[in-house]
Amino acid sequence: MSIFVSVASYCDPMLGFTLERAAVTAKHPEALHFGVVDQSLTAAQPTLRWPRRVSYLRIDPVDARGPCWARALAMTLYAGESWFLQIDSHMDFDAHWDVRLIEQAKALLSGRAGAVLASYPNPFTLENGQPVHKVVGDQVLAHVVKPNTGFDPGHLVLAFEAHPVPVSEPLPGFHLAAGCLFAPGRFAVEFPYDPRLYFHGEEQALTLRLYTHGWDIFHPPGLPFYHLYNVGEAAGKRPMHWDAAEDARRAVKWSEREKLSRQRLGDLVSGATLGVYGLGRARTLADYATLSGIDYARKSLGPQAYKPLAPVGKEPTPVPMSQSR
């Protein structure tokens, strides 16, 4: 059961660490194919502990156009693998993460058009050069709209955060994590990444595309991934695409790309014809509002937008199916 691992990296000194750790912790490293877009001044140097199969593309940072553009490039390196995993370039892994995710995903696919496992990972830090996991708990980390936030009058981008839920089975979700996403391999064919998005709103757009095509999102328990967040002791170690020093060298500034990206999200929600990047017809945005409390048509949020969904079978979750938009 082969896995394509999509990694978009921007001037990240942790890229080599991430690739090595993914390979050495997998139960079947020989089944992994890494698609890496490395936006850096110099090419990363492989070591003996790197994965056996890496499709590698290096781009000068001055030519980089943002995270979504890089992820779109990485997705083009997909070569028909059974499963698709998208991660950030600063991650650590539990042992046998590959078989754990496959088992969870296979159990969810029956009777569904498709299913995605996604969640914001627990953090890790580096202490004396070694990863130390900072686990919030072995609970499910479910995504909700950040408390006391809502729609901005000028755009549709919302702020989300993860809340621990004491359940031992995958929990239905209405939002996903772009930097930690696992799905059947056909995800890469049916939902190619939209390169016109920049960063903010990326997860909302992908969520809506999946939902309206009939796919379901789940937050898995005991997520076997950990993320080195760019805060605290990690701050300043990893430049960001939108940093002033990085942006100064580019003809097209990040703020311009961000403005166009927000317009792109608005076009998606309005039902504009976006081809493969558009909404589906299996379910509507009104159905999504019923599920999540996030009503894009009215730019309003119901109470359920701020709390996790109920576990499957615990209480009914109204999700009416529509034949067309």
Protein backbone atom coordinates (compact mmCIF):
# COMPACT_ATOMS: atom_id res chain seq x y z
CA MET A 1 0.00 0.00 0.00
CA SER A 2 2.21 2.80 -1.31
CA ILE A 3 2.06 6.35 0.08
CA PHE A 4 2.90 9.57 -1.75
CA VAL A 5 4.21 12.13 0.73
CA SER A 6 3.89 15.74 -0.42
CA VAL A 7 6.33 18.18 1.21
CA ALA A 8 6.59 21.87 0.31
CA SER A 9 9.53 23.49 2.08
CA TYR A 10 10.59 27.14 2.29
CA CYS A 11 14.19 27.78 3.40
CA ASP A 12 13.63 25.18 6.10
CA PRO A 13 16.65 23.72 7.91
CA MET A 14 14.35 20.96 9.22
CA LEU A 15 13.57 19.52 5.79
CA GLY A 16 16.26 16.82 5.96
CA PHE A 17 15.23 15.92 9.51
CA THR A 18 11.59 15.55 8.43
CA LEU A 19 12.35 13.29 5.48
CA GLU A 20 14.67 11.08 7.49
CA ARG A 21 12.30 10.76 10.44
CA ALA A 22 9.36 9.91 8.17
CA ALA A 23 11.38 7.12 6.60
CA VAL A 24 12.98 5.59 9.70
CA THR A 25 9.73 5.57 11.71
CA ALA A 26 7.56 4.04 8.95
CA LYS A 27 6.87 0.30 9.12
CA HIS A 28 7.19 0.08 5.34
CA PRO A 29 9.65 2.80 4.25
CA GLU A 30 10.10 1.07 0.91
CA ALA A 31 6.48 1.97 0.08
CA LEU A 32 7.02 5.73 0.49
CA HIS A 33 7.45 8.14 -2.42
CA PHE A 34 8.31 11.70 -1.40
CA GLY A 35 7.43 14.64 -3.65
CA VAL A 36 9.56 17.55 -2.38
CA VAL A 37 9.46 21.18 -3.50
CA ASP A 38 12.47 22.78 -1.82
CA GLN A 39 12.40 26.58 -2.08
CA SER A 40 15.94 27.30 -0.94
CA LEU A 41 19.20 28.88 -2.08
CA THR A 42 21.06 25.57 -2.07
CA ALA A 43 19.87 22.04 -2.67
CA ALA A 44 19.35 19.83 0.36
CA GLN A 45 22.07 17.19 0.69
CA PRO A 46 20.72 13.62 0.94
CA THR A 47 22.13 11.33 3.62
CA LEU A 48 22.11 7.56 4.04
CA ARG A 49 19.03 7.87 6.22
CA TRP A 50 16.97 9.66 3.59
CA PRO A 51 14.03 7.85 1.97
CA ARG A 52 14.80 5.54 -0.91
CA ARG A 53 12.53 7.38 -3.36
CA VAL A 54 12.43 11.16 -3.51
CA SER A 55 11.18 13.25 -6.44
CA TYR A 56 12.93 16.54 -5.77
CA LEU A 57 12.42 20.01 -7.21
CA ARG A 58 14.47 23.01 -6.03
CA ILE A 59 13.33 26.58 -6.64
CA ASP A 60 15.13 29.80 -5.75
CA PRO A 61 13.19 31.50 -2.92
CA VAL A 62 12.92 34.72 -4.91
CA ASP A 63 10.78 32.84 -7.44
CA ALA A 64 8.49 31.31 -4.81
CA ARG A 65 4.83 32.33 -4.99
CA GLY A 66 3.53 31.12 -1.65
CA PRO A 67 2.65 27.91 0.20
CA CYS A 68 -0.33 26.85 -1.94
CA TRP A 69 1.61 27.33 -5.17
CA ALA A 70 4.41 25.14 -3.80
CA ARG A 71 1.94 22.46 -2.68
CA ALA A 72 0.36 22.50 -6.12
CA LEU A 73 3.79 21.81 -7.63
CA ALA A 74 4.48 19.01 -5.15
CA MET A 75 1.17 17.36 -6.00
CA THR A 76 2.17 17.12 -9.67
CA LEU A 77 4.89 14.66 -8.60
CA TYR A 78 2.24 12.13 -7.51
CA ALA A 79 2.72 8.88 -9.42
CA GLY A 80 -0.38 6.81 -8.72
CA GLU A 81 0.34 5.71 -5.15
CA SER A 82 -2.46 4.11 -3.10
CA TRP A 83 -2.45 6.86 -0.47
CA PHE A 84 -1.67 10.58 -0.28
CA LEU A 85 -0.09 12.37 2.68
CA GLN A 86 0.55 16.11 2.79
CA ILE A 87 2.80 17.39 5.57
CA ASP A 88 4.89 20.41 6.47
CA SER A 89 8.69 20.30 6.29
CA HIS A 90 9.22 20.49 10.08
CA MET A 91 7.56 17.36 11.45
CA ASP A 92 8.30 14.34 13.63
CA PHE A 93 6.57 10.95 13.64
CA ASP A 94 5.54 8.06 15.86
CA ALA A 95 6.66 4.55 15.02
CA HIS A 96 4.61 2.81 12.32
CA TRP A 97 2.65 5.95 11.49
CA ASP A 98 2.03 4.61 8.00
CA VAL A 99 0.07 1.48 8.92
CA ARG A 100 -1.81 3.30 11.66
CA LEU A 101 -3.16 5.90 9.23
CA ILE A 102 -3.98 3.35 6.54
CA GLU A 103 -5.95 1.22 9.00
CA GLN A 104 -7.94 4.21 10.24
CA ALA A 105 -8.65 5.51 6.75
CA LYS A 106 -9.72 2.13 5.36
CA ALA A 107 -12.22 1.73 8.19
CA LEU A 108 -13.85 5.06 7.25
CA LEU A 109 -14.10 4.66 3.48
CA SER A 110 -16.89 2.11 3.30
CA GLY A 111 -20.08 3.71 1.99
CA ARG A 112 -18.44 7.10 1.45
CA ALA A 113 -17.40 8.96 -1.68
CA GLY A 114 -14.12 9.63 0.07
CA ALA A 115 -12.63 10.40 3.47
CA VAL A 116 -9.77 12.57 4.67
CA LEU A 117 -7.94 12.31 7.99
CA ALA A 118 -6.62 15.72 9.04
CA SER A 119 -5.79 17.62 12.21
CA TYR A 120 -3.43 20.21 13.62
CA PRO A 121 -0.67 18.08 15.21
CA ASN A 122 0.65 18.21 18.74
CA PRO A 123 3.90 20.21 19.00
CA PHE A 124 7.44 19.04 19.47
CA THR A 125 10.60 20.91 20.39
CA LEU A 126 14.28 20.23 19.92
CA GLU A 127 16.30 19.67 23.08
CA ASN A 128 20.00 19.01 22.59
CA GLY A 129 19.18 18.35 18.95
CA GLN A 130 16.61 15.65 19.75
CA PRO A 131 12.84 15.86 19.22
CA VAL A 132 10.75 16.02 22.39
CA HIS A 133 7.02 15.56 21.93
CA LYS A 134 4.72 17.92 23.84
CA VAL A 135 1.48 15.97 23.78
CA VAL A 136 -1.72 17.79 24.69
CA GLY A 137 -3.29 14.36 25.16
CA ASP A 138 -4.06 11.22 23.20
CA GLN A 139 -7.48 12.66 22.53
CA VAL A 140 -8.83 13.80 19.21
CA LEU A 141 -7.85 17.37 18.29
CA ALA A 142 -10.98 18.74 16.63
CA HIS A 143 -11.08 21.97 14.65
CA VAL A 144 -13.47 24.77 15.56
CA VAL A 145 -13.68 28.46 14.75
CA LYS A 146 -11.50 30.34 17.19
CA PRO A 147 -13.60 31.74 20.08
CA ASN A 148 -14.56 35.40 19.88
CA THR A 149 -13.74 35.61 16.17
CA GLY A 150 -15.90 35.81 13.08
CA PHE A 151 -16.04 37.01 9.51
CA ASP A 152 -14.16 40.17 8.66
CA PRO A 153 -16.27 42.63 6.64
CA GLY A 154 -13.69 42.63 3.86
CA HIS A 155 -13.10 38.91 3.27
CA LEU A 156 -14.17 35.35 4.11
CA VAL A 157 -11.05 34.06 5.88
CA LEU A 158 -11.78 32.60 9.32
CA ALA A 159 -9.47 31.66 12.20
CA PHE A 160 -9.60 28.06 13.45
CA GLU A 161 -7.97 26.20 16.33
CA ALA A 162 -7.84 22.63 17.67
CA HIS A 163 -9.78 21.56 20.78
CA PRO A 164 -9.11 18.20 22.53
CA VAL A 165 -12.10 15.85 22.64
CA PRO A 166 -12.03 12.72 24.88
CA VAL A 167 -12.98 10.10 22.31
CA SER A 168 -11.04 7.09 21.03
CA GLU A 169 -12.41 6.94 17.49
CA PRO A 170 -12.08 9.33 14.53
CA LEU A 171 -14.35 12.34 15.01
CA PRO A 172 -16.25 13.96 12.11
CA GLY A 173 -14.96 17.42 11.28
CA PHE A 174 -15.97 20.51 9.32
CA HIS A 175 -12.45 21.86 8.81
CA LEU A 176 -9.10 20.35 7.91
CA ALA A 177 -5.37 20.88 8.37
CA ALA A 178 -3.50 21.42 5.12
CA GLY A 179 -0.17 20.62 6.76
CA CYS A 180 -1.26 17.23 8.06
CA LEU A 181 -3.67 15.53 5.66
CA PHE A 182 -4.05 11.84 4.75
CA ALA A 183 -6.39 10.51 2.06
CA PRO A 184 -6.75 7.89 -0.67
CA GLY A 185 -4.30 8.50 -3.51
CA ARG A 186 -7.06 9.58 -5.89
CA PHE A 187 -7.34 12.73 -3.78
CA ALA A 188 -4.36 14.07 -5.77
CA VAL A 189 -6.24 13.54 -9.03
CA GLU A 190 -9.71 14.66 -7.98
CA PHE A 191 -8.64 17.69 -5.91
CA PRO A 192 -5.54 19.26 -7.49
CA TYR A 193 -4.21 22.09 -5.36
CA ASP A 194 -5.28 25.57 -6.44
CA PRO A 195 -2.05 27.52 -7.14
CA ARG A 196 -3.94 30.84 -7.16
CA LEU A 197 -4.50 30.61 -3.41
CA TYR A 198 -1.74 32.02 -1.25
CA PHE A 199 -2.05 30.83 2.36
CA HIS A 200 -4.93 32.22 4.42
CA GLY A 201 -8.19 30.59 3.40
CA GLU A 202 -6.37 27.59 1.93
CA GLU A 203 -7.95 25.13 4.36
CA GLN A 204 -11.42 26.63 4.01
CA ALA A 205 -11.31 26.36 0.23
CA LEU A 206 -10.16 22.75 0.29
CA THR A 207 -12.74 21.86 2.93
CA LEU A 208 -15.57 23.27 0.82
CA ARG A 209 -14.36 21.51 -2.32
CA LEU A 210 -14.18 18.18 -0.52
CA TYR A 211 -17.52 18.60 1.24
CA THR A 212 -19.49 19.62 -1.85
CA HIS A 213 -18.02 16.66 -3.76
CA GLY A 214 -19.35 14.33 -1.07
CA TRP A 215 -16.11 13.65 0.81
CA ASP A 216 -16.01 13.61 4.61
CA ILE A 217 -13.36 14.94 7.00
CA PHE A 218 -12.31 13.13 10.18
CA HIS A 219 -9.96 14.06 13.01
CA PRO A 220 -8.04 10.93 14.08
CA PRO A 221 -7.24 9.95 17.68
CA GLY A 222 -3.60 9.57 18.66
CA LEU A 223 -2.36 11.48 15.63
CA PRO A 224 1.16 10.07 14.98
CA PHE A 225 2.62 13.39 13.81
CA TYR A 226 4.22 16.32 15.63
CA HIS A 227 4.86 19.85 14.41
CA LEU A 228 7.71 22.25 15.19
CA TYR A 229 5.77 25.49 15.51
CA ASN A 230 7.65 28.66 14.61
CA VAL A 231 7.25 30.20 18.05
CA GLY A 232 9.27 30.42 21.25
CA GLU A 233 12.68 28.81 20.93
CA ALA A 234 11.98 28.00 17.28
CA ALA A 235 11.24 31.63 16.40
CA GLY A 236 13.64 33.15 13.93
CA LYS A 237 15.07 29.81 12.83
CA ARG A 238 12.78 29.43 9.83
CA PRO A 239 12.07 32.39 7.54
CA MET A 240 8.56 32.78 6.17
CA HIS A 241 7.63 33.65 2.60
CA TRP A 242 5.95 36.86 3.78
CA ASP A 243 8.84 38.13 5.93
CA ALA A 244 9.87 41.65 4.94
CA ALA A 245 13.43 40.65 4.09
CA GLU A 246 12.21 37.83 1.87
CA ASP A 247 9.50 39.93 0.24
CA ALA A 248 11.76 42.88 -0.58
CA ARG A 249 13.48 41.00 -3.38
CA ARG A 250 10.29 40.12 -5.28
CA ALA A 251 8.50 42.07 -7.99
CA VAL A 252 5.10 40.75 -6.82
CA LYS A 253 4.70 41.24 -3.07
CA TRP A 254 3.04 38.73 -0.81
CA SER A 255 0.29 41.21 0.07
CA GLU A 256 -0.74 41.33 -3.58
CA ARG A 257 -0.89 37.55 -3.74
CA GLU A 258 -2.86 37.50 -0.48
CA LYS A 259 -5.40 39.95 -1.89
CA LEU A 260 -5.88 37.84 -5.01
CA SER A 261 -6.12 34.73 -2.86
CA ARG A 262 -8.95 36.20 -0.79
CA GLN A 263 -10.73 37.08 -4.01
CA ARG A 264 -10.24 33.49 -5.14
CA LEU A 265 -11.91 32.18 -1.98
CA GLY A 266 -14.77 34.59 -2.59
CA ASP A 267 -15.11 33.36 -6.17
CA LEU A 268 -15.24 29.76 -4.97
CA VAL A 269 -17.96 30.49 -2.42
CA SER A 270 -19.99 32.48 -4.96
CA GLY A 271 -20.09 29.43 -7.25
CA ALA A 272 -17.88 30.89 -9.97
CA THR A 273 -16.76 28.50 -12.68
CA LEU A 274 -13.31 27.44 -11.50
CA GLY A 275 -13.02 24.12 -13.33
CA VAL A 276 -11.24 21.44 -11.27
CA TYR A 277 -10.75 23.97 -8.45
CA GLY A 278 -14.49 24.62 -8.04
CA LEU A 279 -17.29 23.29 -5.86
CA GLY A 280 -19.00 19.96 -6.42
CA ARG A 281 -22.67 19.06 -6.76
CA ALA A 282 -23.10 16.29 -4.19
CA ARG A 283 -23.80 18.75 -1.36
CA THR A 284 -24.30 22.49 -1.16
CA LEU A 285 -22.94 25.34 0.93
CA ALA A 286 -26.34 25.47 2.64
CA ASP A 287 -25.81 21.84 3.66
CA TYR A 288 -22.39 22.81 4.99
CA ALA A 289 -23.94 25.65 7.00
CA THR A 290 -26.37 23.17 8.57
CA LEU A 291 -23.47 20.90 9.53
CA SER A 292 -20.96 23.47 10.73
CA GLY A 293 -22.81 26.66 11.57
CA ILE A 294 -20.61 28.49 9.05
CA ASP A 295 -22.96 30.26 6.65
CA TYR A 296 -20.95 31.80 3.82
CA ALA A 297 -24.02 33.21 2.08
CA ARG A 298 -24.96 35.30 5.12
CA LYS A 299 -21.42 35.68 6.47
CA SER A 300 -22.69 34.48 9.83
CA LEU A 301 -21.63 31.89 12.40
CA GLY A 302 -23.95 29.70 14.45
CA PRO A 303 -23.10 28.32 17.91
CA GLN A 304 -21.97 24.96 16.50
CA ALA A 305 -19.14 26.66 14.58
CA TYR A 306 -17.33 27.04 17.91
CA LYS A 307 -17.64 23.44 19.10
CA PRO A 308 -16.67 20.00 17.75
CA LEU A 309 -19.14 17.74 16.00
CA ALA A 310 -20.57 14.76 17.83
CA PRO A 311 -19.02 11.30 17.30
CA VAL A 312 -20.63 9.13 14.64
CA GLY A 313 -23.65 7.35 16.10
CA LYS A 314 -23.78 9.41 19.31
CA GLU A 315 -26.37 11.87 18.08
CA PRO A 316 -27.75 12.72 14.65
CA THR A 317 -25.93 15.32 12.64
CA PRO A 318 -28.24 16.77 9.97
CA VAL A 319 -26.44 16.76 6.66
CA PRO A 320 -29.05 16.95 3.88
CA MET A 321 -27.89 15.69 0.51
CA SER A 322 -28.58 17.80 -2.59
CA GLN A 323 -28.60 16.66 -6.18
CA SER A 324 -27.42 19.99 -7.59
CA ARG A 325 -26.44 23.46 -6.60
